[in-house]
């Protein structure tokens, strides 16, 4: 039997909320899900870029986390 911790539940709730915000802003479902699960992305900056007519895929590329900095 696998139990879910409060932290895991909270993390899933946050990811779900982030995904909904991204989808509402025009991000395709799969992209919104991938980005929502990665807390290194600045959600507000992504949405702001899209509101300024940046393509969602390009916004993700622009704000992609630096892989060298994370490990």
N, C-alpha and C. Protein backbone atom coordinates (compact mmCIF):
# COMPACT_ATOMS: atom_id res chain seq x y z
N UNK A 1 0.85 -1.19 0.00
CA UNK A 1 0.00 0.00 0.00
C UNK A 1 0.89 1.24 0.00
N UNK A 2 0.56 2.15 -0.86
CA UNK A 2 1.33 3.38 -0.98
C UNK A 2 0.53 4.54 -0.40
N UNK A 3 1.15 5.28 0.49
CA UNK A 3 0.46 6.42 1.07
C UNK A 3 1.02 7.71 0.49
N UNK A 4 0.17 8.69 0.42
CA UNK A 4 0.55 9.98 -0.12
C UNK A 4 0.78 10.94 1.03
N UNK A 5 1.91 11.63 1.01
CA UNK A 5 2.19 12.59 2.07
C UNK A 5 1.48 13.91 1.77
N UNK A 6 1.36 14.73 2.79
CA UNK A 6 0.72 16.04 2.62
C UNK A 6 1.51 16.88 1.62
N UNK A 7 2.84 16.78 1.65
CA UNK A 7 3.67 17.53 0.71
C UNK A 7 3.44 17.10 -0.72
N UNK A 8 3.26 15.81 -0.93
CA UNK A 8 3.00 15.30 -2.27
C UNK A 8 1.65 15.79 -2.77
N UNK A 9 0.65 15.74 -1.91
CA UNK A 9 -0.67 16.23 -2.29
C UNK A 9 -0.62 17.72 -2.63
N UNK A 10 0.08 18.47 -1.81
CA UNK A 10 0.19 19.92 -2.05
C UNK A 10 0.93 20.18 -3.36
N UNK A 11 1.98 19.45 -3.62
CA UNK A 11 2.72 19.61 -4.87
C UNK A 11 1.86 19.31 -6.08
N UNK A 12 1.04 18.28 -5.99
CA UNK A 12 0.14 17.94 -7.10
C UNK A 12 -0.92 19.01 -7.28
N UNK A 13 -1.41 19.55 -6.17
CA UNK A 13 -2.41 20.61 -6.25
C UNK A 13 -1.83 21.86 -6.91
N UNK A 14 -0.60 22.21 -6.55
CA UNK A 14 0.06 23.37 -7.13
C UNK A 14 0.29 23.15 -8.63
N UNK A 15 0.79 21.97 -9.00
CA UNK A 15 1.02 21.66 -10.41
C UNK A 15 -0.29 21.73 -11.20
N UNK A 16 -1.37 21.24 -10.62
CA UNK A 16 -2.68 21.30 -11.28
C UNK A 16 -3.11 22.76 -11.49
N UNK A 17 -2.93 23.58 -10.47
CA UNK A 17 -3.27 25.00 -10.57
C UNK A 17 -2.42 25.67 -11.64
N UNK A 18 -1.11 25.40 -11.63
CA UNK A 18 -0.21 25.99 -12.63
C UNK A 18 -0.64 25.58 -14.05
N UNK A 19 -0.97 24.30 -14.21
CA UNK A 19 -1.40 23.80 -15.51
C UNK A 19 -2.66 24.53 -15.97
N UNK A 20 -3.60 24.72 -15.09
CA UNK A 20 -4.85 25.42 -15.43
C UNK A 20 -4.57 26.87 -15.83
N UNK A 21 -3.68 27.54 -15.11
CA UNK A 21 -3.35 28.93 -15.44
C UNK A 21 -2.71 29.02 -16.82
N UNK A 22 -1.79 28.11 -17.10
CA UNK A 22 -1.13 28.10 -18.41
C UNK A 22 -2.12 27.81 -19.53
N UNK A 23 -2.97 26.82 -19.33
CA UNK A 23 -3.97 26.47 -20.34
C UNK A 23 -4.91 27.64 -20.60
N UNK A 24 -5.32 28.31 -19.55
CA UNK A 24 -6.21 29.46 -19.68
C UNK A 24 -5.54 30.60 -20.45
N UNK A 25 -4.21 30.64 -20.40
CA UNK A 25 -3.45 31.68 -21.09
C UNK A 25 -3.12 31.32 -22.53
N UNK A 26 -3.53 30.12 -22.97
CA UNK A 26 -3.34 29.74 -24.35
C UNK A 26 -2.27 28.70 -24.62
N UNK A 27 -1.70 28.13 -23.57
CA UNK A 27 -0.70 27.08 -23.76
C UNK A 27 -1.39 25.78 -24.15
N UNK A 28 -0.85 25.07 -25.15
CA UNK A 28 -1.41 23.75 -25.49
C UNK A 28 -1.32 22.82 -24.28
N UNK A 29 -2.25 21.89 -24.18
CA UNK A 29 -2.35 21.02 -23.01
C UNK A 29 -1.06 20.29 -22.62
N UNK A 30 -0.41 19.66 -23.59
CA UNK A 30 0.81 18.90 -23.28
C UNK A 30 1.93 19.81 -22.80
N UNK A 31 2.06 20.97 -23.42
CA UNK A 31 3.10 21.92 -23.01
C UNK A 31 2.79 22.47 -21.62
N UNK A 32 1.53 22.80 -21.39
CA UNK A 32 1.13 23.31 -20.07
C UNK A 32 1.42 22.28 -18.99
N UNK A 33 1.14 21.01 -19.26
CA UNK A 33 1.38 19.95 -18.27
C UNK A 33 2.87 19.80 -17.98
N UNK A 34 3.69 19.83 -19.03
CA UNK A 34 5.13 19.66 -18.84
C UNK A 34 5.72 20.81 -18.03
N UNK A 35 5.35 22.02 -18.39
CA UNK A 35 5.89 23.20 -17.72
C UNK A 35 5.35 23.33 -16.30
N UNK A 36 4.09 22.99 -16.10
CA UNK A 36 3.48 23.10 -14.77
C UNK A 36 4.17 22.21 -13.75
N UNK A 37 4.68 21.08 -14.21
CA UNK A 37 5.35 20.14 -13.30
C UNK A 37 6.77 20.54 -12.97
N UNK A 38 7.31 21.56 -13.63
CA UNK A 38 8.69 22.00 -13.41
C UNK A 38 8.67 23.35 -12.71
N UNK A 39 8.89 23.37 -11.42
CA UNK A 39 8.79 24.60 -10.64
C UNK A 39 9.90 25.60 -10.95
N UNK A 40 10.86 25.21 -11.77
CA UNK A 40 11.93 26.15 -12.14
C UNK A 40 11.42 27.21 -13.11
N UNK A 41 10.29 26.96 -13.77
CA UNK A 41 9.72 27.94 -14.68
C UNK A 41 8.95 28.99 -13.89
N UNK A 42 9.14 30.24 -14.25
CA UNK A 42 8.42 31.35 -13.64
C UNK A 42 7.07 31.48 -14.36
N UNK A 43 6.04 31.01 -13.71
CA UNK A 43 4.70 30.98 -14.30
C UNK A 43 4.24 32.36 -14.75
N UNK A 44 4.45 33.34 -13.90
CA UNK A 44 3.97 34.69 -14.22
C UNK A 44 4.73 35.28 -15.41
N UNK A 45 6.02 35.01 -15.51
CA UNK A 45 6.79 35.51 -16.65
C UNK A 45 6.34 34.83 -17.94
N UNK A 46 6.05 33.54 -17.88
CA UNK A 46 5.55 32.83 -19.06
C UNK A 46 4.24 33.43 -19.55
N UNK A 47 3.33 33.62 -18.64
CA UNK A 47 2.02 34.16 -18.99
C UNK A 47 2.16 35.59 -19.52
N UNK A 48 3.04 36.38 -18.92
CA UNK A 48 3.24 37.75 -19.38
C UNK A 48 3.77 37.77 -20.82
N UNK A 49 4.71 36.89 -21.14
CA UNK A 49 5.22 36.84 -22.51
C UNK A 49 4.10 36.51 -23.50
N UNK A 50 3.27 35.54 -23.14
CA UNK A 50 2.18 35.14 -24.04
C UNK A 50 1.16 36.27 -24.17
N UNK A 51 0.90 36.99 -23.09
CA UNK A 51 -0.02 38.12 -23.16
C UNK A 51 0.52 39.23 -24.05
N UNK A 52 1.84 39.24 -24.25
CA UNK A 52 2.47 40.23 -25.14
C UNK A 52 2.66 39.65 -26.54
N UNK A 53 1.86 38.64 -26.85
CA UNK A 53 1.81 38.01 -28.18
C UNK A 53 3.00 37.12 -28.51
N UNK A 54 3.69 36.63 -27.52
CA UNK A 54 4.74 35.64 -27.74
C UNK A 54 4.09 34.26 -27.85
N UNK A 55 4.55 33.46 -28.77
CA UNK A 55 4.07 32.10 -28.92
C UNK A 55 4.41 31.31 -27.65
N UNK A 56 3.50 30.50 -27.11
CA UNK A 56 3.79 29.75 -25.89
C UNK A 56 5.06 28.89 -25.96
N UNK A 57 5.28 28.23 -27.09
CA UNK A 57 6.47 27.39 -27.23
C UNK A 57 7.74 28.24 -27.15
N UNK A 58 7.70 29.41 -27.77
CA UNK A 58 8.86 30.30 -27.72
C UNK A 58 9.05 30.85 -26.31
N UNK A 59 7.97 31.18 -25.64
CA UNK A 59 8.07 31.68 -24.26
C UNK A 59 8.76 30.64 -23.37
N UNK A 60 8.43 29.38 -23.55
CA UNK A 60 9.05 28.31 -22.77
C UNK A 60 10.54 28.22 -23.09
N UNK A 61 10.89 28.35 -24.36
CA UNK A 61 12.30 28.31 -24.74
C UNK A 61 13.06 29.49 -24.16
N UNK A 62 12.46 30.67 -24.19
CA UNK A 62 13.11 31.86 -23.67
C UNK A 62 13.38 31.73 -22.17
N UNK A 63 12.42 31.19 -21.45
CA UNK A 63 12.53 31.11 -19.99
C UNK A 63 12.97 29.74 -19.48
N UNK A 64 13.47 28.91 -20.39
CA UNK A 64 13.91 27.57 -19.98
C UNK A 64 14.97 27.67 -18.89
N UNK A 65 14.86 26.82 -17.88
CA UNK A 65 15.87 26.80 -16.81
C UNK A 65 17.24 26.43 -17.37
N UNK A 66 18.25 27.02 -16.82
CA UNK A 66 19.62 26.72 -17.23
C UNK A 66 20.01 25.36 -16.64
N UNK A 67 20.19 24.38 -17.50
CA UNK A 67 20.50 23.02 -17.06
C UNK A 67 21.81 22.96 -16.29
N UNK A 68 22.80 23.77 -16.66
CA UNK A 68 24.09 23.76 -15.97
C UNK A 68 23.94 24.23 -14.53
N UNK A 69 23.06 25.18 -14.31
CA UNK A 69 22.89 25.73 -12.97
C UNK A 69 22.20 24.75 -12.04
N UNK A 70 21.42 23.81 -12.61
CA UNK A 70 20.65 22.90 -11.77
C UNK A 70 21.30 21.54 -11.61
N UNK A 71 22.40 21.31 -12.25
CA UNK A 71 23.00 20.03 -11.98
C UNK A 71 23.72 19.43 -13.07
